Amino acid sequence: MGKRYKQYKNYNTERINEDIDAPKVRVIKPDGEHEIVSSDRALVIARGLELDLVEVAADADPPVCRILDYKKFLYEKKKKEKDAKKKQHTVTIKELRFRPHTDDHDYNFKLKHAKSFLEEGNKVKATVQFRGRDIIYSDNGRDLLERFADDLKELGKIEAKPKLEGKRMSLIVAPAK
């Protein structure tokens, strides 16, 4: 039985059948019963049930081995990893751009988008772009960003205060959850 799984040896950390070199192992049988036996005896038990001996906890004293169908074990392990990856949520940063003299209607439109982004669990980066001589209105940009942060305080918390970097002033709001 050990030879048909040699192809899997490089991809998994578990040792199977003849690859287990510990003198004594704790064997967990398919019915849940366990006992401490020599690795040779455990291999005989596994072959008697036409299953494989798989080392699942090599660091334990003695190492823990299970008697099971190795291909089914690999399939279930791969399936669990795939499900865990699906449930994982990556946080993205959504950017909204303003000008120092942004009108109220445009501001409210972008505020509505920012609220939906925060409800989805994404971060929002609000940026005020200064062009040409607009830099003299940096106070207006700071006021706009502080107003923006104040309007979003029930949905998120300020992660980075407004700061001027070249001709851009930006603020980052993270979801409150």
C-alpha atoms as a PDB file:
ATOM      1  CA  MET A   1       0.000   0.000   0.000  1.00  0.00           C
ATOM      2  CA  GLY A   2       2.845   2.391   0.688  1.00  0.00           C
ATOM      3  CA  LYS A   3       4.128   2.518  -2.887  1.00  0.00           C
ATOM      4  CA  ARG A   4       0.981   3.891  -4.512  1.00  0.00           C
ATOM      5  CA  TYR A   5       1.205   7.074  -2.439  1.00  0.00           C
ATOM      6  CA  LYS A   6       4.857   7.909  -3.101  1.00  0.00           C
ATOM      7  CA  GLN A   7       3.709  10.637  -5.499  1.00  0.00           C
ATOM      8  CA  TYR A   8       2.135  12.517  -2.566  1.00  0.00           C
ATOM      9  CA  LYS A   9       5.206  12.345  -0.346  1.00  0.00           C
ATOM     10  CA  ASN A  10       6.684  15.675  -1.518  1.00  0.00           C
ATOM     11  CA  TYR A  11       3.455  17.624  -1.106  1.00  0.00           C
ATOM     12  CA  ASN A  12       2.413  16.678   2.418  1.00  0.00           C
ATOM     13  CA  THR A  13       3.976  16.770   5.845  1.00  0.00           C
ATOM     14  CA  GLU A  14       2.414  13.489   6.989  1.00  0.00           C
ATOM     15  CA  ARG A  15       4.384  10.298   6.807  1.00  0.00           C
ATOM     16  CA  ILE A  16       2.510   7.165   5.793  1.00  0.00           C
ATOM     17  CA  ASN A  17       2.881   3.398   6.137  1.00  0.00           C
ATOM     18  CA  GLU A  18       6.561   2.328   5.853  1.00  0.00           C
ATOM     19  CA  ASP A  19       7.819   5.928   6.092  1.00  0.00           C
ATOM     20  CA  ILE A  20       6.939   6.065   9.806  1.00  0.00           C
ATOM     21  CA  ASP A  21      10.201   5.352  11.644  1.00  0.00           C
ATOM     22  CA  ALA A  22       9.194   5.753  15.316  1.00  0.00           C
ATOM     23  CA  PRO A  23       9.625   2.594  17.408  1.00  0.00           C
ATOM     24  CA  LYS A  24       6.273   3.037  19.226  1.00  0.00           C
ATOM     25  CA  VAL A  25       3.193   4.965  18.103  1.00  0.00           C
ATOM     26  CA  ARG A  26      -0.252   5.786  19.465  1.00  0.00           C
ATOM     27  CA  VAL A  27      -2.701   4.308  16.947  1.00  0.00           C
ATOM     28  CA  ILE A  28      -6.200   5.718  16.494  1.00  0.00           C
ATOM     29  CA  LYS A  29      -8.385   3.139  14.793  1.00  0.00           C
ATOM     30  CA  PRO A  30     -11.349   3.977  12.507  1.00  0.00           C
ATOM     31  CA  ASP A  31     -13.813   3.257  15.344  1.00  0.00           C
ATOM     32  CA  GLY A  32     -12.085   5.865  17.574  1.00  0.00           C
ATOM     33  CA  GLU A  33     -10.329   3.378  19.854  1.00  0.00           C
ATOM     34  CA  HIS A  34      -6.635   4.036  20.486  1.00  0.00           C
ATOM     35  CA  GLU A  35      -3.651   2.176  21.896  1.00  0.00           C
ATOM     36  CA  ILE A  36       0.145   2.365  22.019  1.00  0.00           C
ATOM     37  CA  VAL A  37       1.880  -0.297  19.895  1.00  0.00           C
ATOM     38  CA  SER A  38       5.049  -0.721  17.860  1.00  0.00           C
ATOM     39  CA  SER A  39       4.999   0.885  14.399  1.00  0.00           C
ATOM     40  CA  ASP A  40       5.298  -2.561  12.756  1.00  0.00           C
ATOM     41  CA  ARG A  41       2.240  -3.830  14.652  1.00  0.00           C
ATOM     42  CA  ALA A  42       0.314  -0.653  13.733  1.00  0.00           C
ATOM     43  CA  LEU A  43       1.159  -1.248  10.065  1.00  0.00           C
ATOM     44  CA  VAL A  44      -0.107  -4.844  10.309  1.00  0.00           C
ATOM     45  CA  ILE A  45      -3.388  -3.600  11.850  1.00  0.00           C
ATOM     46  CA  ALA A  46      -3.785  -1.005   9.059  1.00  0.00           C
ATOM     47  CA  ARG A  47      -3.138  -3.575   6.318  1.00  0.00           C
ATOM     48  CA  GLY A  48      -5.614  -5.948   7.959  1.00  0.00           C
ATOM     49  CA  LEU A  49      -8.292  -3.265   7.596  1.00  0.00           C
ATOM     50  CA  GLU A  50      -7.072  -2.455   4.038  1.00  0.00           C
ATOM     51  CA  LEU A  51      -6.369   1.139   5.037  1.00  0.00           C
ATOM     52  CA  ASP A  52      -3.274   3.295   5.502  1.00  0.00           C
ATOM     53  CA  LEU A  53      -1.314   4.265   8.601  1.00  0.00           C
ATOM     54  CA  VAL A  54      -0.897   8.060   8.603  1.00  0.00           C
ATOM     55  CA  GLU A  55       1.228  10.009  11.101  1.00  0.00           C
ATOM     56  CA  VAL A  56      -0.854  13.031  12.144  1.00  0.00           C
ATOM     57  CA  ALA A  57       1.129  14.335  15.135  1.00  0.00           C
ATOM     58  CA  ALA A  58       4.856  13.652  14.792  1.00  0.00           C
ATOM     59  CA  ASP A  59       5.815  15.917  17.720  1.00  0.00           C
ATOM     60  CA  ALA A  60       3.771  14.000  20.309  1.00  0.00           C
ATOM     61  CA  ASP A  61       5.381  11.427  22.586  1.00  0.00           C
ATOM     62  CA  PRO A  62       4.772   8.790  21.227  1.00  0.00           C
ATOM     63  CA  PRO A  63       3.825  10.029  17.714  1.00  0.00           C
ATOM     64  CA  VAL A  64       0.100   9.790  16.902  1.00  0.00           C
ATOM     65  CA  CYS A  65      -0.967   7.794  13.840  1.00  0.00           C
ATOM     66  CA  ARG A  66      -4.421   7.226  12.400  1.00  0.00           C
ATOM     67  CA  ILE A  67      -5.675   4.309  10.392  1.00  0.00           C
ATOM     68  CA  LEU A  68      -7.643   5.749   7.467  1.00  0.00           C
ATOM     69  CA  ASP A  69      -7.981   6.002   3.688  1.00  0.00           C
ATOM     70  CA  TYR A  70      -5.143   8.360   2.710  1.00  0.00           C
ATOM     71  CA  LYS A  71      -6.700   9.631  -0.536  1.00  0.00           C
ATOM     72  CA  LYS A  72      -9.903  10.524   1.287  1.00  0.00           C
ATOM     73  CA  PHE A  73      -7.820  12.237   3.995  1.00  0.00           C
ATOM     74  CA  LEU A  74      -6.023  14.358   1.368  1.00  0.00           C
ATOM     75  CA  TYR A  75      -9.310  15.240  -0.316  1.00  0.00           C
ATOM     76  CA  GLU A  76     -10.887  16.412   2.955  1.00  0.00           C
ATOM     77  CA  LYS A  77      -7.748  18.365   3.895  1.00  0.00           C
ATOM     78  CA  LYS A  78      -7.736  20.154   0.536  1.00  0.00           C
ATOM     79  CA  LYS A  79     -11.466  20.871   0.864  1.00  0.00           C
ATOM     80  CA  LYS A  80     -10.985  22.427   4.345  1.00  0.00           C
ATOM     81  CA  GLU A  81      -8.187  24.655   3.035  1.00  0.00           C
ATOM     82  CA  LYS A  82     -10.374  25.777   0.143  1.00  0.00           C
ATOM     83  CA  ASP A  83     -13.292  26.601   2.481  1.00  0.00           C
ATOM     84  CA  ALA A  84     -10.981  28.550   4.788  1.00  0.00           C
ATOM     85  CA  LYS A  85      -9.718  30.536   1.809  1.00  0.00           C
ATOM     86  CA  LYS A  86     -13.304  31.357   0.731  1.00  0.00           C
ATOM     87  CA  LYS A  87     -14.199  32.697   4.176  1.00  0.00           C
ATOM     88  CA  GLN A  88     -11.108  34.872   4.286  1.00  0.00           C
ATOM     89  CA  HIS A  89     -11.865  38.558   3.631  1.00  0.00           C
ATOM     90  CA  THR A  90      -9.169  40.840   2.313  1.00  0.00           C
ATOM     91  CA  VAL A  91      -9.511  44.490   3.245  1.00  0.00           C
ATOM     92  CA  THR A  92      -9.152  46.823   0.302  1.00  0.00           C
ATOM     93  CA  ILE A  93      -8.730  50.563   0.340  1.00  0.00           C
ATOM     94  CA  LYS A  94     -11.270  52.504  -1.700  1.00  0.00           C
ATOM     95  CA  GLU A  95     -10.151  56.005  -2.639  1.00  0.00           C
ATOM     96  CA  LEU A  96     -12.395  59.042  -3.015  1.00  0.00           C
ATOM     97  CA  ARG A  97     -10.971  62.249  -4.477  1.00  0.00           C
ATOM     98  CA  PHE A  98     -12.071  65.763  -3.705  1.00  0.00           C
ATOM     99  CA  ARG A  99     -10.987  69.281  -4.635  1.00  0.00           C
ATOM    100  CA  PRO A 100     -10.708  72.047  -2.007  1.00  0.00           C
ATOM    101  CA  HIS A 101     -13.914  73.704  -3.302  1.00  0.00           C
ATOM    102  CA  THR A 102     -16.065  70.574  -3.679  1.00  0.00           C
ATOM    103  CA  ASP A 103     -19.773  71.388  -3.873  1.00  0.00           C
ATOM    104  CA  ASP A 104     -22.235  70.011  -1.289  1.00  0.00           C
ATOM    105  CA  HIS A 105     -24.023  67.761  -3.792  1.00  0.00           C
ATOM    106  CA  ASP A 106     -20.735  66.137  -4.906  1.00  0.00           C
ATOM    107  CA  TYR A 107     -19.634  65.812  -1.285  1.00  0.00           C
ATOM    108  CA  ASN A 108     -22.896  64.071  -0.276  1.00  0.00           C
ATOM    109  CA  PHE A 109     -22.671  61.742  -3.301  1.00  0.00           C
ATOM    110  CA  LYS A 110     -19.144  60.663  -2.333  1.00  0.00           C
ATOM    111  CA  LEU A 111     -20.125  60.415   1.339  1.00  0.00           C
ATOM    112  CA  LYS A 112     -22.874  57.947   0.394  1.00  0.00           C
ATOM    113  CA  HIS A 113     -20.314  55.828  -1.481  1.00  0.00           C
ATOM    114  CA  ALA A 114     -17.925  55.969   1.487  1.00  0.00           C
ATOM    115  CA  LYS A 115     -20.676  54.718   3.814  1.00  0.00           C
ATOM    116  CA  SER A 116     -21.381  51.747   1.542  1.00  0.00           C
ATOM    117  CA  PHE A 117     -17.651  50.945   1.330  1.00  0.00           C
ATOM    118  CA  LEU A 118     -17.337  50.958   5.134  1.00  0.00           C
ATOM    119  CA  GLU A 119     -20.433  48.756   5.516  1.00  0.00           C
ATOM    120  CA  GLU A 120     -18.826  46.222   3.141  1.00  0.00           C
ATOM    121  CA  GLY A 121     -15.763  46.143   5.418  1.00  0.00           C
ATOM    122  CA  ASN A 122     -13.374  48.142   3.225  1.00  0.00           C
ATOM    123  CA  LYS A 123     -11.182  51.061   4.254  1.00  0.00           C
ATOM    124  CA  VAL A 124     -11.795  54.476   2.710  1.00  0.00           C
ATOM    125  CA  LYS A 125      -9.055  56.900   1.744  1.00  0.00           C
ATOM    126  CA  ALA A 126     -10.298  60.425   1.133  1.00  0.00           C
ATOM    127  CA  THR A 127      -7.900  62.622  -0.818  1.00  0.00           C
ATOM    128  CA  VAL A 128      -8.077  66.340  -1.552  1.00  0.00           C
ATOM    129  CA  GLN A 129      -6.118  67.171  -4.706  1.00  0.00           C
ATOM    130  CA  PHE A 130      -4.636  70.667  -4.936  1.00  0.00           C
ATOM    131  CA  ARG A 131      -3.809  71.958  -8.411  1.00  0.00           C
ATOM    132  CA  GLY A 132      -1.852  75.042  -9.296  1.00  0.00           C
ATOM    133  CA  ARG A 133      -2.507  77.796  -6.776  1.00  0.00           C
ATOM    134  CA  ASP A 134      -5.134  75.737  -4.899  1.00  0.00           C
ATOM    135  CA  ILE A 135      -2.455  74.923  -2.316  1.00  0.00           C
ATOM    136  CA  ILE A 136      -3.180  78.263  -0.640  1.00  0.00           C
ATOM    137  CA  TYR A 137      -6.578  76.765   0.284  1.00  0.00           C
ATOM    138  CA  SER A 138      -5.061  73.896   2.269  1.00  0.00           C
ATOM    139  CA  ASP A 139      -7.206  74.970   5.244  1.00  0.00           C
ATOM    140  CA  ASN A 140     -10.343  74.352   3.150  1.00  0.00           C
ATOM    141  CA  GLY A 141      -9.039  70.869   2.297  1.00  0.00           C
ATOM    142  CA  ARG A 142      -8.343  70.081   5.948  1.00  0.00           C
ATOM    143  CA  ASP A 143     -11.823  71.306   6.951  1.00  0.00           C
ATOM    144  CA  LEU A 144     -13.392  69.184   4.197  1.00  0.00           C
ATOM    145  CA  LEU A 145     -11.574  66.044   5.386  1.00  0.00           C
ATOM    146  CA  GLU A 146     -12.421  66.686   9.039  1.00  0.00           C
ATOM    147  CA  ARG A 147     -16.076  67.153   8.084  1.00  0.00           C
ATOM    148  CA  PHE A 148     -15.884  63.904   6.096  1.00  0.00           C
ATOM    149  CA  ALA A 149     -14.415  62.037   9.097  1.00  0.00           C
ATOM    150  CA  ASP A 150     -17.040  63.541  11.414  1.00  0.00           C
ATOM    151  CA  ASP A 151     -19.873  62.403   9.092  1.00  0.00           C
ATOM    152  CA  LEU A 152     -18.462  58.848   9.080  1.00  0.00           C
ATOM    153  CA  LYS A 153     -17.676  58.511  12.792  1.00  0.00           C
ATOM    154  CA  GLU A 154     -20.602  56.135  13.498  1.00  0.00           C
ATOM    155  CA  LEU A 155     -19.503  53.722  10.727  1.00  0.00           C
ATOM    156  CA  GLY A 156     -15.733  53.930  11.048  1.00  0.00           C
ATOM    157  CA  LYS A 157     -12.772  55.214  12.967  1.00  0.00           C
ATOM    158  CA  ILE A 158      -9.994  57.473  11.736  1.00  0.00           C
ATOM    159  CA  GLU A 159      -6.884  55.422  11.078  1.00  0.00           C
ATOM    160  CA  ALA A 160      -4.706  58.250   9.745  1.00  0.00           C
ATOM    161  CA  LYS A 161      -5.364  61.945  10.396  1.00  0.00           C
ATOM    162  CA  PRO A 162      -5.382  64.412   7.480  1.00  0.00           C
ATOM    163  CA  LYS A 163      -1.845  65.124   6.345  1.00  0.00           C
ATOM    164  CA  LEU A 164      -0.433  67.044   3.419  1.00  0.00           C
ATOM    165  CA  GLU A 165       1.917  65.150   1.110  1.00  0.00           C
ATOM    166  CA  GLY A 166       3.040  67.344  -1.768  1.00  0.00           C
ATOM    167  CA  LYS A 167      -0.133  68.575  -3.473  1.00  0.00           C
ATOM    168  CA  ARG A 168      -2.399  65.987  -1.852  1.00  0.00           C
ATOM    169  CA  MET A 169      -3.984  65.842   1.567  1.00  0.00           C
ATOM    170  CA  SER A 170      -5.375  62.481   2.610  1.00  0.00           C
ATOM    171  CA  LEU A 171      -7.249  60.782   5.428  1.00  0.00           C
ATOM    172  CA  ILE A 172      -7.907  57.055   6.011  1.00  0.00           C
ATOM    173  CA  VAL A 173     -11.069  55.750   7.709  1.00  0.00           C
ATOM    174  CA  ALA A 174     -11.302  52.073   8.741  1.00  0.00           C
ATOM    175  CA  PRO A 175     -14.564  50.202   9.415  1.00  0.00           C
ATOM    176  CA  ALA A 176     -15.655  50.229  13.070  1.00  0.00           C
ATOM    177  CA  LYS A 177     -16.347  46.457  13.166  1.00  0.00           C
END
